[in-house]
PDB file of N, CA and C in Angstrom:
ATOM      1  N   MET A   1       0.865  -1.116  -0.016  1.00  0.00           N
ATOM      2  CA  MET A   1      -0.086   0.012  -0.061  1.00  0.00           C
ATOM      3  C   MET A   1       0.948   1.435   0.049  1.00  0.00           C
ATOM      4  N   ASN A   2       0.536   2.152  -0.800  1.00  0.00           N
ATOM      5  CA  ASN A   2       1.577   3.320  -0.664  1.00  0.00           C
ATOM      6  C   ASN A   2       1.018   4.577  -0.266  1.00  0.00           C
ATOM      7  N   PRO A   3       1.561   5.373   0.254  1.00  0.00           N
ATOM      8  CA  PRO A   3       0.919   6.375   0.979  1.00  0.00           C
ATOM      9  C   PRO A   3      -0.349   7.102   0.169  1.00  0.00           C
ATOM     10  N   ARG A   4      -0.388   7.354  -1.064  1.00  0.00           N
ATOM     11  CA  ARG A   4      -1.266   8.050  -1.701  1.00  0.00           C
ATOM     12  C   ARG A   4      -2.629   7.280  -1.333  1.00  0.00           C
ATOM     13  N   SER A   5      -2.490   6.003  -1.176  1.00  0.00           N
ATOM     14  CA  SER A   5      -3.806   5.378  -1.032  1.00  0.00           C
ATOM     15  C   SER A   5      -4.442   5.405   0.346  1.00  0.00           C
ATOM     16  N   LEU A   6      -3.545   6.085   1.045  1.00  0.00           N
ATOM     17  CA  LEU A   6      -4.525   6.329   2.292  1.00  0.00           C
ATOM     18  C   LEU A   6      -5.616   7.557   2.295  1.00  0.00           C
ATOM     19  N   PRO A   7      -5.443   8.253   1.679  1.00  0.00           N
ATOM     20  CA  PRO A   7      -6.271   9.465   1.586  1.00  0.00           C
ATOM     21  C   PRO A   7      -7.809   8.538   1.277  1.00  0.00           C
ATOM     22  N   PHE A   8      -7.454   8.149   0.445  1.00  0.00           N
ATOM     23  CA  PHE A   8      -8.578   7.176  -0.263  1.00  0.00           C
ATOM     24  C   PHE A   8      -9.408   6.332   0.419  1.00  0.00           C
ATOM     25  N   LEU A   9      -8.397   5.207   1.502  1.00  0.00           N
ATOM     26  CA  LEU A   9      -8.713   4.486   2.320  1.00  0.00           C
ATOM     27  C   LEU A   9      -9.653   5.264   3.345  1.00  0.00           C
ATOM     28  N   ALA A  10      -9.348   6.173   4.019  1.00  0.00           N
ATOM     29  CA  ALA A  10      -9.880   7.298   5.054  1.00  0.00           C
ATOM     30  C   ALA A  10     -11.445   7.669   4.226  1.00  0.00           C
ATOM     31  N   ILE A  11     -11.525   8.051   2.921  1.00  0.00           N
ATOM     32  CA  ILE A  11     -12.794   8.373   2.653  1.00  0.00           C
ATOM     33  C   ILE A  11     -13.880   7.003   2.518  1.00  0.00           C
ATOM     34  N   VAL A  12     -13.102   6.114   2.235  1.00  0.00           N
ATOM     35  CA  VAL A  12     -14.057   4.611   1.963  1.00  0.00           C
ATOM     36  C   VAL A  12     -14.480   4.199   3.421  1.00  0.00           C
ATOM     37  N   PHE A  13     -13.634   4.579   4.465  1.00  0.00           N
ATOM     38  CA  PHE A  13     -13.675   3.828   5.604  1.00  0.00           C
ATOM     39  C   PHE A  13     -14.860   4.841   6.338  1.00  0.00           C
ATOM     40  N   ALA A  14     -14.862   6.003   6.299  1.00  0.00           N
ATOM     41  CA  ALA A  14     -15.747   6.966   6.785  1.00  0.00           C
ATOM     42  C   ALA A  14     -17.194   7.109   6.147  1.00  0.00           C
ATOM     43  N   VAL A  15     -17.331   6.844   4.898  1.00  0.00           N
ATOM     44  CA  VAL A  15     -18.254   6.511   4.218  1.00  0.00           C
ATOM     45  C   VAL A  15     -18.933   5.142   4.679  1.00  0.00           C
ATOM     46  N   ALA A  16     -18.393   3.943   4.298  1.00  0.00           N
ATOM     47  CA  ALA A  16     -18.904   2.704   4.987  1.00  0.00           C
ATOM     48  C   ALA A  16     -19.059   2.605   6.282  1.00  0.00           C
ATOM     49  N   TYR A  17     -18.543   3.290   7.122  1.00  0.00           N
ATOM     50  CA  TYR A  17     -18.801   2.998   8.627  1.00  0.00           C
ATOM     51  C   TYR A  17     -20.307   3.925   9.017  1.00  0.00           C
ATOM     52  N   THR A  18     -20.428   4.882   8.449  1.00  0.00           N
ATOM     53  CA  THR A  18     -21.556   5.765   8.561  1.00  0.00           C
ATOM     54  C   THR A  18     -22.847   4.699   7.959  1.00  0.00           C
ATOM     55  N   VAL A  19     -22.723   4.161   7.045  1.00  0.00           N
ATOM     56  CA  VAL A  19     -23.695   3.446   6.295  1.00  0.00           C
ATOM     57  C   VAL A  19     -23.815   2.392   6.961  1.00  0.00           C
ATOM     58  N   VAL A  20     -22.919   1.462   7.491  1.00  0.00           N
ATOM     59  CA  VAL A  20     -23.031  -0.112   7.784  1.00  0.00           C
ATOM     60  C   VAL A  20     -23.431   0.521   9.621  1.00  0.00           C
ATOM     61  N   TYR A  21     -23.341   1.462  10.387  1.00  0.00           N
ATOM     62  CA  TYR A  21     -23.809   1.886  11.282  1.00  0.00           C
ATOM     63  C   TYR A  21     -24.987   2.212  11.163  1.00  0.00           C
ATOM     64  N   LEU A  22     -25.633   2.678  10.508  1.00  0.00           N
ATOM     65  CA  LEU A  22     -26.910   2.914  10.094  1.00  0.00           C
ATOM     66  C   LEU A  22     -27.943   1.701  10.177  1.00  0.00           C
ATOM     67  N   VAL A  23     -27.513   0.567   9.058  1.00  0.00           N
ATOM     68  CA  VAL A  23     -28.031  -0.450   8.805  1.00  0.00           C
ATOM     69  C   VAL A  23     -27.844  -1.342  10.016  1.00  0.00           C
ATOM     70  N   ALA A  24     -26.566  -0.986  10.991  1.00  0.00           N
ATOM     71  CA  ALA A  24     -26.895  -1.940  12.476  1.00  0.00           C
ATOM     72  C   ALA A  24     -27.607  -1.436  13.204  1.00  0.00           C
ATOM     73  N   VAL A  25     -28.012  -0.063  13.372  1.00  0.00           N
ATOM     74  CA  VAL A  25     -28.792   0.516  14.304  1.00  0.00           C
ATOM     75  C   VAL A  25     -30.411   0.012  13.932  1.00  0.00           C
ATOM     76  N   TRP A  26     -30.580   0.040  12.385  1.00  0.00           N
ATOM     77  CA  TRP A  26     -31.986  -0.051  11.850  1.00  0.00           C
ATOM     78  C   TRP A  26     -32.631  -1.403  12.281  1.00  0.00           C
ATOM     79  N   ASN A  27     -31.391  -2.481  11.789  1.00  0.00           N
ATOM     80  CA  ASN A  27     -31.928  -3.773  12.047  1.00  0.00           C
ATOM     81  C   ASN A  27     -31.547  -4.494  13.276  1.00  0.00           C
ATOM     82  N   ASN A  28     -30.704  -3.637  14.138  1.00  0.00           N
ATOM     83  CA  ASN A  28     -30.382  -4.405  15.518  1.00  0.00           C
ATOM     84  C   ASN A  28     -29.271  -5.394  15.153  1.00  0.00           C
ATOM     85  N   TYR A  29     -28.163  -4.868  14.494  1.00  0.00           N
ATOM     86  CA  TYR A  29     -27.295  -5.887  14.440  1.00  0.00           C
ATOM     87  C   TYR A  29     -25.924  -5.558  15.392  1.00  0.00           C
ATOM     88  N   ALA A  30     -26.165  -5.899  16.317  1.00  0.00           N
ATOM     89  CA  ALA A  30     -25.087  -5.637  17.450  1.00  0.00           C
ATOM     90  C   ALA A  30     -23.938  -6.924  17.789  1.00  0.00           C
ATOM     91  N   LEU A  31     -22.685  -6.608  17.593  1.00  0.00           N
ATOM     92  CA  LEU A  31     -22.008  -7.607  17.587  1.00  0.00           C
ATOM     93  C   LEU A  31     -21.982  -8.178  19.076  1.00  0.00           C
ATOM     94  N   PHE A  32     -22.184  -7.197  20.018  1.00  0.00           N
ATOM     95  CA  PHE A  32     -22.352  -7.607  21.409  1.00  0.00           C
ATOM     96  C   PHE A  32     -23.216  -7.012  22.304  1.00  0.00           C
ATOM     97  N   THR A  33     -23.508  -7.519  23.145  1.00  0.00           N
ATOM     98  CA  THR A  33     -24.377  -6.553  24.249  1.00  0.00           C
ATOM     99  C   THR A  33     -23.769  -6.385  25.452  1.00  0.00           C
ATOM    100  N   TYR A  34     -23.901  -5.146  26.027  1.00  0.00           N
ATOM    101  CA  TYR A  34     -23.649  -5.078  27.188  1.00  0.00           C
ATOM    102  C   TYR A  34     -24.635  -4.872  28.422  1.00  0.00           C
ATOM    103  N   HIS A  35     -24.528  -5.396  29.553  1.00  0.00           N
ATOM    104  CA  HIS A  35     -25.432  -5.140  30.420  1.00  0.00           C
ATOM    105  C   HIS A  35     -24.892  -4.267  31.639  1.00  0.00           C
ATOM    106  N   PRO A  36     -25.017  -2.818  31.702  1.00  0.00           N
ATOM    107  CA  PRO A  36     -24.325  -2.440  32.833  1.00  0.00           C
ATOM    108  C   PRO A  36     -24.255  -2.809  34.078  1.00  0.00           C
ATOM    109  N   ALA A  37     -25.574  -3.138  34.484  1.00  0.00           N
ATOM    110  CA  ALA A  37     -26.140  -3.143  35.690  1.00  0.00           C
ATOM    111  C   ALA A  37     -25.402  -4.374  36.656  1.00  0.00           C
ATOM    112  N   ILE A  38     -25.009  -5.365  35.793  1.00  0.00           N
ATOM    113  CA  ILE A  38     -24.537  -6.777  35.968  1.00  0.00           C
ATOM    114  C   ILE A  38     -23.249  -6.829  35.433  1.00  0.00           C
ATOM    115  N   TYR A  39     -22.634  -5.679  34.795  1.00  0.00           N
ATOM    116  CA  TYR A  39     -21.136  -5.863  34.332  1.00  0.00           C
ATOM    117  C   TYR A  39     -20.886  -7.091  33.405  1.00  0.00           C
ATOM    118  N   GLU A  40     -21.809  -7.470  32.640  1.00  0.00           N
ATOM    119  CA  GLU A  40     -21.409  -8.420  31.465  1.00  0.00           C
ATOM    120  C   GLU A  40     -21.721  -8.114  30.150  1.00  0.00           C
ATOM    121  N   ILE A  41     -21.328  -8.974  29.241  1.00  0.00           N
ATOM    122  CA  ILE A  41     -21.263  -8.807  27.937  1.00  0.00           C
ATOM    123  C   ILE A  41     -21.426 -10.197  27.272  1.00  0.00           C
ATOM    124  N   ASP A  42     -22.366 -10.264  26.074  1.00  0.00           N
ATOM    125  CA  ASP A  42     -22.936 -11.172  25.659  1.00  0.00           C
ATOM    126  C   ASP A  42     -22.746 -11.121  24.248  1.00  0.00           C
ATOM    127  N   TRP A  43     -22.294 -12.191  23.326  1.00  0.00           N
ATOM    128  CA  TRP A  43     -22.065 -12.201  21.927  1.00  0.00           C
ATOM    129  C   TRP A  43     -23.642 -11.721  21.433  1.00  0.00           C
ATOM    130  N   GLY A  44     -23.820 -11.151  20.221  1.00  0.00           N
ATOM    131  CA  GLY A  44     -24.978 -10.820  19.865  1.00  0.00           C
ATOM    132  C   GLY A  44     -26.095  -9.934  20.377  1.00  0.00           C
ATOM    133  N   VAL A  45     -26.925  -9.766  19.742  1.00  0.00           N
ATOM    134  CA  VAL A  45     -28.094  -9.077  20.582  1.00  0.00           C
ATOM    135  C   VAL A  45     -28.804  -9.908  21.555  1.00  0.00           C
ATOM    136  N   GLN A  46     -28.835  -9.265  22.938  1.00  0.00           N
ATOM    137  CA  GLN A  46     -29.726 -10.061  24.184  1.00  0.00           C
ATOM    138  C   GLN A  46     -30.686  -9.321  24.483  1.00  0.00           C
ATOM    139  N   LYS A  47     -31.626 -10.183  25.143  1.00  0.00           N
ATOM    140  CA  LYS A  47     -32.434  -9.481  25.767  1.00  0.00           C
ATOM    141  C   LYS A  47     -31.908  -8.713  27.177  1.00  0.00           C
ATOM    142  N   PRO A  48     -32.581  -7.668  27.463  1.00  0.00           N
ATOM    143  CA  PRO A  48     -32.201  -7.023  28.931  1.00  0.00           C
ATOM    144  C   PRO A  48     -32.226  -7.868  30.126  1.00  0.00           C
ATOM    145  N   ARG A  49     -31.089  -7.931  30.910  1.00  0.00           N
ATOM    146  CA  ARG A  49     -31.223  -8.758  32.180  1.00  0.00           C
ATOM    147  C   ARG A  49     -30.727  -7.612  33.305  1.00  0.00           C
ATOM    148  N   ASP A  50     -31.709  -7.734  34.240  1.00  0.00           N
ATOM    149  CA  ASP A  50     -31.489  -6.840  35.182  1.00  0.00           C
ATOM    150  C   ASP A  50     -31.078  -5.320  35.081  1.00  0.00           C
ATOM    151  N   GLY A  51     -31.571  -4.709  34.341  1.00  0.00           N
ATOM    152  CA  GLY A  51     -31.509  -3.244  34.039  1.00  0.00           C
ATOM    153  C   GLY A  51     -31.777  -3.133  32.474  1.00  0.00           C
ATOM    154  N   PRO A  52     -31.039  -2.132  31.832  1.00  0.00           N
ATOM    155  CA  PRO A  52     -31.422  -1.851  30.503  1.00  0.00           C
ATOM    156  C   PRO A  52     -29.842  -2.716  29.644  1.00  0.00           C
ATOM    157  N   ALA A  53     -29.937  -3.228  28.562  1.00  0.00           N
ATOM    158  CA  ALA A  53     -28.795  -3.331  27.892  1.00  0.00           C
ATOM    159  C   ALA A  53     -28.639  -2.619  26.848  1.00  0.00           C
ATOM    160  N   MET A  54     -27.402  -2.521  26.650  1.00  0.00           N
ATOM    161  CA  MET A  54     -26.691  -1.138  25.809  1.00  0.00           C
ATOM    162  C   MET A  54     -26.251  -1.984  24.459  1.00  0.00           C
ATOM    163  N   TYR A  55     -27.025  -1.495  23.575  1.00  0.00           N
ATOM    164  CA  TYR A  55     -26.340  -2.144  22.300  1.00  0.00           C
ATOM    165  C   TYR A  55     -25.306  -1.148  21.376  1.00  0.00           C
ATOM    166  N   TRP A  56     -25.162   0.152  21.740  1.00  0.00           N
ATOM    167  CA  TRP A  56     -24.567   1.054  21.214  1.00  0.00           C
ATOM    168  C   TRP A  56     -23.067   0.276  20.841  1.00  0.00           C
ATOM    169  N   PHE A  57     -22.231  -0.199  21.883  1.00  0.00           N
ATOM    170  CA  PHE A  57     -20.978  -0.541  21.637  1.00  0.00           C
ATOM    171  C   PHE A  57     -21.102  -1.522  20.518  1.00  0.00           C
ATOM    172  N   GLY A  58     -21.866  -2.610  20.671  1.00  0.00           N
ATOM    173  CA  GLY A  58     -22.059  -3.589  19.613  1.00  0.00           C
ATOM    174  C   GLY A  58     -22.311  -3.079  18.037  1.00  0.00           C
ATOM    175  N   TRP A  59     -23.054  -1.957  18.160  1.00  0.00           N
ATOM    176  CA  TRP A  59     -23.580  -1.330  16.748  1.00  0.00           C
ATOM    177  C   TRP A  59     -21.961  -0.775  16.363  1.00  0.00           C
ATOM    178  N   MET A  60     -21.603  -0.183  17.057  1.00  0.00           N
ATOM    179  CA  MET A  60     -20.276   0.489  16.691  1.00  0.00           C
ATOM    180  C   MET A  60     -19.051  -0.630  16.350  1.00  0.00           C
ATOM    181  N   SER A  61     -19.352  -1.691  16.886  1.00  0.00           N
ATOM    182  CA  SER A  61     -18.275  -2.683  16.729  1.00  0.00           C
ATOM    183  C   SER A  61     -18.218  -3.135  15.383  1.00  0.00           C
ATOM    184  N   THR A  62     -19.806  -3.481  15.008  1.00  0.00           N
ATOM    185  CA  THR A  62     -20.139  -4.030  13.691  1.00  0.00           C
ATOM    186  C   THR A  62     -19.931  -3.256  12.716  1.00  0.00           C
ATOM    187  N   ALA A  63     -20.470  -1.661  12.879  1.00  0.00           N
ATOM    188  CA  ALA A  63     -19.790  -0.862  11.814  1.00  0.00           C
ATOM    189  C   ALA A  63     -18.193  -0.743  11.689  1.00  0.00           C
ATOM    190  N   ALA A  64     -17.569  -0.958  12.517  1.00  0.00           N
ATOM    191  CA  ALA A  64     -16.114  -0.841  12.345  1.00  0.00           C
ATOM    192  C   ALA A  64     -15.605  -2.123  11.590  1.00  0.00           C
ATOM    193  N   LEU A  65     -16.126  -3.257  11.862  1.00  0.00           N
ATOM    194  CA  LEU A  65     -15.589  -4.316  11.072  1.00  0.00           C
ATOM    195  C   LEU A  65     -16.210  -4.217   9.410  1.00  0.00           C
ATOM    196  N   GLY A  66     -17.441  -3.710   9.508  1.00  0.00           N
ATOM    197  CA  GLY A  66     -17.787  -3.588   8.132  1.00  0.00           C
ATOM    198  C   GLY A  66     -17.218  -2.617   7.511  1.00  0.00           C
ATOM    199  N   ALA A  67     -16.707  -1.509   7.890  1.00  0.00           N
ATOM    200  CA  ALA A  67     -16.217  -0.445   7.087  1.00  0.00           C
ATOM    201  C   ALA A  67     -14.509  -1.221   7.028  1.00  0.00           C
ATOM    202  N   LEU A  68     -13.955  -1.889   7.787  1.00  0.00           N
ATOM    203  CA  LEU A  68     -12.635  -2.359   7.610  1.00  0.00           C
ATOM    204  C   LEU A  68     -12.709  -3.577   6.315  1.00  0.00           C
ATOM    205  N   ALA A  69     -13.920  -4.289   6.393  1.00  0.00           N
ATOM    206  CA  ALA A  69     -14.198  -5.431   5.291  1.00  0.00           C
ATOM    207  C   ALA A  69     -13.974  -4.422   3.724  1.00  0.00           C
ATOM    208  N   THR A  70     -14.918  -3.405   4.074  1.00  0.00           N
ATOM    209  CA  THR A  70     -15.131  -2.538   2.820  1.00  0.00           C
ATOM    210  C   THR A  70     -13.660  -1.830   2.521  1.00  0.00           C
ATOM    211  N   CYS A  71     -13.117  -1.481   3.547  1.00  0.00           N
ATOM    212  CA  CYS A  71     -11.735  -0.855   3.071  1.00  0.00           C
ATOM    213  C   CYS A  71     -10.632  -2.072   2.334  1.00  0.00           C
ATOM    214  N   LEU A  72     -10.773  -3.048   2.636  1.00  0.00           N
ATOM    215  CA  LEU A  72      -9.879  -4.305   2.217  1.00  0.00           C
ATOM    216  C   LEU A  72     -10.319  -4.465   0.726  1.00  0.00           C
ATOM    217  N   LEU A  73     -11.760  -4.595   0.425  1.00  0.00           N
ATOM    218  CA  LEU A  73     -12.096  -4.848  -0.597  1.00  0.00           C
ATOM    219  C   LEU A  73     -11.927  -3.537  -1.918  1.00  0.00           C
ATOM    220  N   ALA A  74     -12.013  -2.194  -1.141  1.00  0.00           N
ATOM    221  CA  ALA A  74     -11.398  -1.126  -1.927  1.00  0.00           C
ATOM    222  C   ALA A  74      -9.927  -1.119  -2.207  1.00  0.00           C
ATOM    223  N   LEU A  75      -9.126  -1.762  -1.530  1.00  0.00           N
ATOM    224  CA  LEU A  75      -7.601  -2.038  -1.800  1.00  0.00           C
ATOM    225  C   LEU A  75      -7.345  -2.485  -3.317  1.00  0.00           C
ATOM    226  N   LEU A  76      -8.840  -3.236  -3.674  1.00  0.00           N
ATOM    227  CA  LEU A  76      -8.613  -4.332  -5.164  1.00  0.00           C
ATOM    228  C   LEU A  76      -8.997  -3.095  -6.245  1.00  0.00           C
ATOM    229  N   ILE A  77      -9.428  -2.007  -5.978  1.00  0.00           N
ATOM    230  CA  ILE A  77      -9.805  -1.080  -7.051  1.00  0.00           C
ATOM    231  C   ILE A  77      -8.375  -0.463  -7.552  1.00  0.00           C
ATOM    232  N   PRO A  78      -8.296  -0.386  -8.786  1.00  0.00           N
ATOM    233  CA  PRO A  78      -7.221   0.376  -9.516  1.00  0.00           C
ATOM    234  C   PRO A  78      -6.969   1.519  -8.933  1.00  0.00           C
ATOM    235  N   GLU A  79      -5.871   1.875  -9.016  1.00  0.00           N
ATOM    236  CA  GLU A  79      -5.647   3.591  -8.426  1.00  0.00           C
ATOM    237  C   GLU A  79      -5.794   4.730  -9.416  1.00  0.00           C
ATOM    238  N   ARG A  80      -5.871   4.256 -10.515  1.00  0.00           N
ATOM    239  CA  ARG A  80      -6.645   5.620 -11.495  1.00  0.00           C
ATOM    240  C   ARG A  80      -7.738   5.750 -11.191  1.00  0.00           C
ATOM    241  N   VAL A  81      -8.679   5.102 -10.853  1.00  0.00           N
ATOM    242  CA  VAL A  81      -9.963   4.949 -10.637  1.00  0.00           C
ATOM    243  C   VAL A  81      -9.907   5.643  -9.032  1.00  0.00           C
ATOM    244  N   THR A  82      -9.058   5.130  -8.169  1.00  0.00           N
ATOM    245  CA  THR A  82      -9.480   5.565  -6.751  1.00  0.00           C
ATOM    246  C   THR A  82      -8.666   7.367  -6.704  1.00  0.00           C
ATOM    247  N   GLN A  83      -8.043   7.530  -7.588  1.00  0.00           N
ATOM    248  CA  GLN A  83      -7.502   9.065  -7.697  1.00  0.00           C
ATOM    249  C   GLN A  83      -8.839   9.852  -7.865  1.00  0.00           C
ATOM    250  N   ARG A  84      -9.913   9.522  -8.611  1.00  0.00           N
ATOM    251  CA  ARG A  84     -11.230  10.703  -8.826  1.00  0.00           C
ATOM    252  C   ARG A  84     -12.018  10.398  -7.766  1.00  0.00           C
ATOM    253  N   LEU A  85     -12.005   9.823  -6.765  1.00  0.00           N
ATOM    254  CA  LEU A  85     -13.159   9.708  -5.555  1.00  0.00           C
ATOM    255  C   LEU A  85     -12.990  11.024  -5.255  1.00  0.00           C
ATOM    256  N   TRP A  86     -14.257  11.650  -5.191  1.00  0.00           N
ATOM    257  CA  TRP A  86     -14.325  12.871  -4.212  1.00  0.00           C
ATOM    258  C   TRP A  86     -14.393  12.901  -2.818  1.00  0.00           C
ATOM    259  N   SER A  87     -13.593  13.597  -2.037  1.00  0.00           N
ATOM    260  CA  SER A  87     -13.436  13.874  -0.532  1.00  0.00           C
ATOM    261  C   SER A  87     -14.584  14.329   0.158  1.00  0.00           C
ATOM    262  N   GLY A  88     -15.642  15.033  -0.645  1.00  0.00           N
ATOM    263  CA  GLY A  88     -16.724  15.413  -0.017  1.00  0.00           C
ATOM    264  C   GLY A  88     -17.743  14.511   0.301  1.00  0.00           C
ATOM    265  N   TRP A  89     -17.403  13.078   0.068  1.00  0.00           N
ATOM    266  CA  TRP A  89     -18.301  12.337   0.307  1.00  0.00           C
ATOM    267  C   TRP A  89     -18.380  12.118   1.969  1.00  0.00           C
ATOM    268  N   THR A  90     -17.353  12.271   2.549  1.00  0.00           N
ATOM    269  CA  THR A  90     -16.909  12.044   3.944  1.00  0.00           C
ATOM    270  C   THR A  90     -17.640  13.068   4.758  1.00  0.00           C
ATOM    271  N   TRP A  91     -18.227  13.963   4.324  1.00  0.00           N
ATOM    272  CA  TRP A  91     -19.342  14.877   4.932  1.00  0.00           C
ATOM    273  C   TRP A  91     -20.769  14.867   4.600  1.00  0.00           C
ATOM    274  N   VAL A  92     -21.010  14.489   3.077  1.00  0.00           N
ATOM    275  CA  VAL A  92     -22.176  14.097   2.666  1.00  0.00           C
ATOM    276  C   VAL A  92     -23.023  13.379   3.111  1.00  0.00           C
ATOM    277  N   VAL A  93     -22.175  12.046   2.856  1.00  0.00           N
ATOM    278  CA  VAL A  93     -23.133  10.775   3.530  1.00  0.00           C
ATOM    279  C   VAL A  93     -23.253  10.908   4.863  1.00  0.00           C
ATOM    280  N   PRO A  94     -22.463  11.106   5.975  1.00  0.00           N
ATOM    281  CA  PRO A  94     -22.829  11.184   7.513  1.00  0.00           C
ATOM    282  C   PRO A  94     -23.999  12.204   7.539  1.00  0.00           C
ATOM    283  N   THR A  95     -24.141  13.160   6.755  1.00  0.00           N
ATOM    284  CA  THR A  95     -25.093  14.301   7.019  1.00  0.00           C
ATOM    285  C   THR A  95     -26.342  13.626   6.505  1.00  0.00           C
ATOM    286  N   ILE A  96     -26.347  12.915   5.284  1.00  0.00           N
ATOM    287  CA  ILE A  96     -27.562  12.253   4.763  1.00  0.00           C
ATOM    288  C   ILE A  96     -28.196  11.077   6.133  1.00  0.00           C
ATOM    289  N   VAL A  97     -26.915  10.114   6.566  1.00  0.00           N
ATOM    290  CA  VAL A  97     -27.288   9.357   7.536  1.00  0.00           C
ATOM    291  C   VAL A  97     -27.829  10.042   8.748  1.00  0.00           C
ATOM    292  N   LEU A  98     -27.218  11.136   9.262  1.00  0.00           N
ATOM    293  CA  LEU A  98     -27.934  12.187  10.449  1.00  0.00           C
ATOM    294  C   LEU A  98     -29.182  12.543  10.288  1.00  0.00           C
ATOM    295  N   LEU A  99     -30.026  12.947   9.131  1.00  0.00           N
ATOM    296  CA  LEU A  99     -30.957  13.122   8.535  1.00  0.00           C
ATOM    297  C   LEU A  99     -32.261  12.003   8.881  1.00  0.00           C
ATOM    298  N   LEU A 100     -31.552  10.603   8.338  1.00  0.00           N
ATOM    299  CA  LEU A 100     -31.982   9.563   8.527  1.00  0.00           C
ATOM    300  C   LEU A 100     -32.252   9.192  10.110  1.00  0.00           C
ATOM    301  N   PHE A 101     -31.074   9.185  10.814  1.00  0.00           N
ATOM    302  CA  PHE A 101     -31.416   9.012  12.147  1.00  0.00           C
ATOM    303  C   PHE A 101     -32.389   9.635  12.800  1.00  0.00           C
ATOM    304  N   VAL A 102     -32.695  11.031  12.274  1.00  0.00           N
ATOM    305  CA  VAL A 102     -33.631  12.068  12.620  1.00  0.00           C
ATOM    306  C   VAL A 102     -34.987  11.391  12.497  1.00  0.00           C
ATOM    307  N   PHE A 103     -35.093  10.751  10.972  1.00  0.00           N
ATOM    308  CA  PHE A 103     -36.494  10.155  10.620  1.00  0.00           C
ATOM    309  C   PHE A 103     -36.768   8.972  11.447  1.00  0.00           C
ATOM    310  N   LEU A 104     -35.262   8.325  11.630  1.00  0.00           N
ATOM    311  CA  LEU A 104     -35.935   6.978  12.499  1.00  0.00           C
ATOM    312  C   LEU A 104     -36.412   7.309  13.804  1.00  0.00           C
ATOM    313  N   ASN A 105     -35.777   8.282  14.417  1.00  0.00           N
ATOM    314  CA  ASN A 105     -36.508   8.779  16.000  1.00  0.00           C
ATOM    315  C   ASN A 105     -37.402   9.596  15.863  1.00  0.00           C
ATOM    316  N   ARG A 106     -38.091   9.651  14.985  1.00  0.00           N
ATOM    317  CA  ARG A 106     -39.038  10.995  14.624  1.00  0.00           C
ATOM    318  C   ARG A 106     -40.208  10.868  15.911  1.00  0.00           C
ATOM    319  N   ASN A 107     -40.542   9.654  16.087  1.00  0.00           N
ATOM    320  CA  ASN A 107     -41.729   9.513  17.462  1.00  0.00           C
ATOM    321  C   ASN A 107     -41.223   9.856  18.662  1.00  0.00           C
ATOM    322  N   TYR A 108     -39.713  10.066  18.856  1.00  0.00           N
ATOM    323  CA  TYR A 108     -39.140  10.343  19.865  1.00  0.00           C
ATOM    324  C   TYR A 108     -39.334  11.899  20.205  1.00  0.00           C
ATOM    325  N   PHE A 109     -38.840  12.534  19.254  1.00  0.00           N
ATOM    326  CA  PHE A 109     -39.113  13.991  19.316  1.00  0.00           C
ATOM    327  C   PHE A 109     -40.262  14.224  19.242  1.00  0.00           C
ATOM    328  N   LEU A 110     -41.407  13.825  18.761  1.00  0.00           N
ATOM    329  CA  LEU A 110     -42.842  14.286  18.360  1.00  0.00           C
ATOM    330  C   LEU A 110     -43.982  13.945  19.724  1.00  0.00           C
ATOM    331  N   ARG A 111     -43.227  13.396  20.910  1.00  0.00           N
ATOM    332  CA  ARG A 111     -44.183  12.742  22.123  1.00  0.00           C
ATOM    333  C   ARG A 111     -44.702  14.218  22.522  1.00  0.00           C
TER     334      ARG A 111
END
C-alpha cells in the first residue's frame, strides 16, 4: 500500500462506517450486548437482564468491522480509479445518515 492510497481508504472507511452503522442500528445487528447493571457482555443481541441492555457498543463494533472489510475490498480497485474519488463524500454521506437517524427517531421527538 503506498501513501497515496491512505486518503482514499480514509474516505472509504468514513463513508462505509456511517452506512454500516445506520444498517446495524436500524436492524439491531449488534456484535455484542453490554449489561451495565451486572457488568456482563454477551455476544450478539440479547434481551435486557437486571436493567437496561446497551447495544451501542455492539453497533459501533459491527460498523467498524464492516468498514474495515469495505476498505480491504477497496484495495482491489485500481489506483487510476481511486484518484478521482471526491473527498466530499466524507461529509455528504454522514449528513444524509444523520437526517435518516432523525427520521428513525421521529416518534421520540414528536411525543
